[in-house]
Amino acid sequence: MSPEQLKKLQQLNQLFAQGSAGPKQVKQLSALLAEINQLASWPEENIKQTLPSH
């Protein structure tokens, strides 16, 4: 997770904790988490592509 992603996640977390998050923030959180998950799984997928299947 990049520092920018962490900062955005913390900002969204605060809005949700305060109960002031709306549909826009839900979409932002969803997109951010998808981006983080995609980056987190990339090396694993890359390894699977380079190793021969048995």
N, C-alpha and C. Protein backbone atom coordinates (compact mmCIF):
# COMPACT_ATOMS: atom_id res chain seq x y z
N MET A 1 0.86 -1.17 0.00
CA MET A 1 0.00 0.00 0.00
C MET A 1 0.90 1.23 0.00
N SER A 2 0.59 2.14 -0.89
CA SER A 2 1.39 3.36 -0.97
C SER A 2 1.00 4.33 0.15
N PRO A 3 1.87 5.29 0.43
CA PRO A 3 1.53 6.29 1.45
C PRO A 3 0.26 7.08 1.10
N GLU A 4 0.05 7.32 -0.19
CA GLU A 4 -1.15 8.04 -0.61
C GLU A 4 -2.40 7.22 -0.36
N GLN A 5 -2.31 5.92 -0.64
CA GLN A 5 -3.45 5.04 -0.40
C GLN A 5 -3.76 4.94 1.09
N LEU A 6 -2.72 4.86 1.90
CA LEU A 6 -2.92 4.80 3.34
C LEU A 6 -3.58 6.07 3.85
N LYS A 7 -3.15 7.21 3.36
CA LYS A 7 -3.74 8.49 3.79
C LYS A 7 -5.22 8.55 3.41
N LYS A 8 -5.54 8.14 2.18
CA LYS A 8 -6.93 8.15 1.73
C LYS A 8 -7.78 7.18 2.56
N LEU A 9 -7.22 6.02 2.86
CA LEU A 9 -7.93 5.03 3.67
C LEU A 9 -8.21 5.58 5.07
N GLN A 10 -7.25 6.27 5.64
CA GLN A 10 -7.44 6.86 6.96
C GLN A 10 -8.51 7.95 6.93
N GLN A 11 -8.53 8.74 5.87
CA GLN A 11 -9.54 9.79 5.73
C GLN A 11 -10.94 9.18 5.62
N LEU A 12 -11.05 8.16 4.80
CA LEU A 12 -12.35 7.49 4.64
C LEU A 12 -12.77 6.81 5.94
N ASN A 13 -11.83 6.20 6.62
CA ASN A 13 -12.12 5.55 7.90
C ASN A 13 -12.71 6.55 8.89
N GLN A 14 -12.14 7.73 8.93
CA GLN A 14 -12.64 8.76 9.84
C GLN A 14 -14.08 9.15 9.50
N LEU A 15 -14.36 9.30 8.21
CA LEU A 15 -15.72 9.66 7.80
C LEU A 15 -16.72 8.57 8.20
N PHE A 16 -16.33 7.31 7.98
CA PHE A 16 -17.22 6.20 8.35
C PHE A 16 -17.41 6.14 9.86
N ALA A 17 -16.34 6.36 10.61
CA ALA A 17 -16.42 6.32 12.08
C ALA A 17 -17.33 7.42 12.61
N GLN A 18 -17.34 8.56 11.94
CA GLN A 18 -18.19 9.67 12.35
C GLN A 18 -19.63 9.51 11.88
N GLY A 19 -19.85 8.55 11.00
CA GLY A 19 -21.19 8.34 10.46
C GLY A 19 -21.56 9.34 9.38
N SER A 20 -20.56 10.01 8.83
CA SER A 20 -20.85 11.04 7.82
C SER A 20 -20.50 10.61 6.40
N ALA A 21 -20.18 9.34 6.21
CA ALA A 21 -19.85 8.84 4.88
C ALA A 21 -21.14 8.61 4.09
N GLY A 22 -21.09 9.00 2.83
CA GLY A 22 -22.24 8.81 1.95
C GLY A 22 -21.90 7.86 0.82
N PRO A 23 -22.78 7.77 -0.16
CA PRO A 23 -22.56 6.86 -1.30
C PRO A 23 -21.24 7.14 -2.04
N LYS A 24 -20.87 8.40 -2.13
CA LYS A 24 -19.62 8.74 -2.81
C LYS A 24 -18.42 8.13 -2.08
N GLN A 25 -18.43 8.19 -0.75
CA GLN A 25 -17.33 7.64 0.03
C GLN A 25 -17.32 6.11 -0.03
N VAL A 26 -18.50 5.50 -0.11
CA VAL A 26 -18.57 4.04 -0.24
C VAL A 26 -17.91 3.63 -1.56
N LYS A 27 -18.20 4.36 -2.63
CA LYS A 27 -17.59 4.06 -3.93
C LYS A 27 -16.08 4.29 -3.88
N GLN A 28 -15.65 5.36 -3.21
CA GLN A 28 -14.22 5.63 -3.09
C GLN A 28 -13.52 4.51 -2.32
N LEU A 29 -14.13 4.08 -1.23
CA LEU A 29 -13.55 3.02 -0.42
C LEU A 29 -13.48 1.72 -1.22
N SER A 30 -14.53 1.40 -1.94
CA SER A 30 -14.56 0.19 -2.75
C SER A 30 -13.45 0.21 -3.80
N ALA A 31 -13.30 1.34 -4.49
CA ALA A 31 -12.27 1.46 -5.52
C ALA A 31 -10.88 1.38 -4.91
N LEU A 32 -10.69 2.02 -3.78
CA LEU A 32 -9.39 2.01 -3.11
C LEU A 32 -9.02 0.60 -2.66
N LEU A 33 -9.96 -0.11 -2.06
CA LEU A 33 -9.69 -1.47 -1.61
C LEU A 33 -9.42 -2.41 -2.78
N ALA A 34 -10.14 -2.23 -3.87
CA ALA A 34 -9.89 -3.04 -5.06
C ALA A 34 -8.49 -2.79 -5.60
N GLU A 35 -8.09 -1.53 -5.61
CA GLU A 35 -6.75 -1.17 -6.08
C GLU A 35 -5.68 -1.77 -5.17
N ILE A 36 -5.88 -1.68 -3.87
CA ILE A 36 -4.92 -2.24 -2.91
C ILE A 36 -4.85 -3.75 -3.07
N ASN A 37 -6.00 -4.40 -3.19
CA ASN A 37 -6.03 -5.86 -3.33
C ASN A 37 -5.37 -6.31 -4.63
N GLN A 38 -5.59 -5.55 -5.70
CA GLN A 38 -4.99 -5.90 -6.98
C GLN A 38 -3.46 -5.80 -6.88
N LEU A 39 -2.96 -4.76 -6.25
CA LEU A 39 -1.52 -4.60 -6.10
C LEU A 39 -0.94 -5.67 -5.18
N ALA A 40 -1.69 -6.02 -4.15
CA ALA A 40 -1.21 -7.02 -3.20
C ALA A 40 -1.14 -8.41 -3.84
N SER A 41 -2.01 -8.70 -4.77
CA SER A 41 -2.03 -10.03 -5.38
C SER A 41 -1.16 -10.10 -6.63
N TRP A 42 -0.69 -8.98 -7.13
CA TRP A 42 0.08 -8.99 -8.36
C TRP A 42 1.32 -9.87 -8.30
N PRO A 43 2.17 -9.76 -7.29
CA PRO A 43 3.37 -10.61 -7.28
C PRO A 43 3.04 -12.10 -7.29
N GLU A 44 2.00 -12.50 -6.57
CA GLU A 44 1.60 -13.91 -6.54
C GLU A 44 1.18 -14.38 -7.92
N GLU A 45 0.41 -13.58 -8.63
CA GLU A 45 -0.02 -13.92 -9.98
C GLU A 45 1.19 -13.99 -10.92
N ASN A 46 2.10 -13.07 -10.73
CA ASN A 46 3.30 -13.04 -11.55
C ASN A 46 4.13 -14.30 -11.34
N ILE A 47 4.22 -14.75 -10.10
CA ILE A 47 4.96 -15.98 -9.79
C ILE A 47 4.29 -17.17 -10.46
N LYS A 48 2.96 -17.23 -10.38
CA LYS A 48 2.25 -18.36 -10.98
C LYS A 48 2.46 -18.41 -12.49
N GLN A 49 2.59 -17.26 -13.13
CA GLN A 49 2.79 -17.23 -14.58
C GLN A 49 4.18 -17.69 -14.95
N THR A 50 5.16 -17.49 -14.09
CA THR A 50 6.53 -17.86 -14.41
C THR A 50 6.87 -19.29 -14.06
N LEU A 51 6.11 -19.91 -13.15
CA LEU A 51 6.37 -21.29 -12.77
C LEU A 51 5.57 -22.24 -13.65
N PRO A 52 6.15 -23.36 -14.05
CA PRO A 52 5.41 -24.33 -14.86
C PRO A 52 4.33 -25.01 -14.03
N SER A 53 3.21 -25.29 -14.66
CA SER A 53 2.11 -26.00 -13.99
C SER A 53 2.39 -27.49 -13.98
N HIS A 54 1.98 -28.16 -12.88
CA HIS A 54 2.20 -29.60 -12.77
C HIS A 54 0.90 -30.32 -12.87
